[in-house]
Amino acid sequence: MTAIQGRAVMLFPDLSKDGKAYARWSQVAIELNVQGYQISISTLLEDKANDEEKQQD
């Protein structure tokens, strides 16, 4: 983790059927940001994927 300290990091979580992947990574980002990291979570896949794509494993 020391390699990313002081750097802005954007994460792109995988799609999930129920949005739990995005929610989990968002929680991790909040926890890391409290420790001084600069983590952002992209909503790109959640915003652009259709329902069929979200249901695929």
Protein backbone atom coordinates (compact mmCIF):
# COMPACT_ATOMS: atom_id res chain seq x y z
CA MET A 1 0.00 0.00 0.00
CA THR A 2 2.94 2.35 0.46
CA ALA A 3 3.32 2.46 -3.34
CA ILE A 4 0.04 4.35 -3.68
CA GLN A 5 0.36 6.69 -0.71
CA GLY A 6 0.23 10.28 -1.90
CA ARG A 7 -1.25 9.28 -5.26
CA ALA A 8 -4.80 9.64 -6.51
CA VAL A 9 -6.15 6.17 -7.33
CA MET A 10 -9.32 5.38 -9.29
CA LEU A 11 -10.79 1.88 -8.88
CA PHE A 12 -13.16 0.26 -11.38
CA PRO A 13 -15.09 -2.49 -9.56
CA ASP A 14 -16.52 -5.40 -11.52
CA LEU A 15 -20.21 -5.53 -12.25
CA SER A 16 -22.38 -7.56 -9.94
CA LYS A 17 -25.99 -8.65 -10.14
CA ASP A 18 -27.01 -6.67 -7.08
CA GLY A 19 -24.44 -3.85 -7.03
CA LYS A 20 -22.65 -5.33 -4.03
CA ALA A 21 -19.22 -5.17 -5.71
CA TYR A 22 -19.51 -1.40 -6.12
CA ALA A 23 -20.88 -0.99 -2.58
CA ARG A 24 -18.09 -3.07 -1.05
CA TRP A 25 -15.32 -1.21 -2.87
CA SER A 26 -16.91 2.09 -1.92
CA GLN A 27 -16.75 1.07 1.73
CA VAL A 28 -13.10 0.02 1.37
CA ALA A 29 -12.31 3.38 -0.25
CA ILE A 30 -13.92 5.26 2.64
CA GLU A 31 -11.89 3.26 5.16
CA LEU A 32 -8.64 3.86 3.26
CA ASN A 33 -9.33 7.56 2.73
CA VAL A 34 -9.70 7.97 6.50
CA GLN A 35 -6.16 6.58 6.74
CA GLY A 36 -4.87 9.23 4.33
CA TYR A 37 -5.19 7.55 0.94
CA GLN A 38 -6.82 9.20 -2.08
CA ILE A 39 -9.08 6.46 -3.42
CA SER A 40 -12.02 7.10 -5.77
CA ILE A 41 -14.48 4.55 -7.10
CA SER A 42 -15.69 4.82 -10.68
CA THR A 43 -19.36 4.31 -11.45
CA LEU A 44 -18.61 3.83 -15.17
CA LEU A 45 -19.51 0.14 -15.37
CA GLU A 46 -22.56 0.51 -13.13
CA ASP A 47 -23.80 3.46 -15.19
CA LYS A 48 -23.16 2.01 -18.66
CA ALA A 49 -24.07 -1.66 -18.22
CA ASN A 50 -27.55 -2.84 -19.07
CA ASP A 51 -29.48 -5.33 -16.93
CA GLU A 52 -28.40 -8.28 -19.07
CA GLU A 53 -24.72 -7.39 -18.67
CA LYS A 54 -25.15 -7.05 -14.91
CA GLN A 55 -26.64 -10.55 -14.70
CA GLN A 56 -23.68 -12.23 -16.44
CA ASP A 57 -21.07 -13.93 -14.30
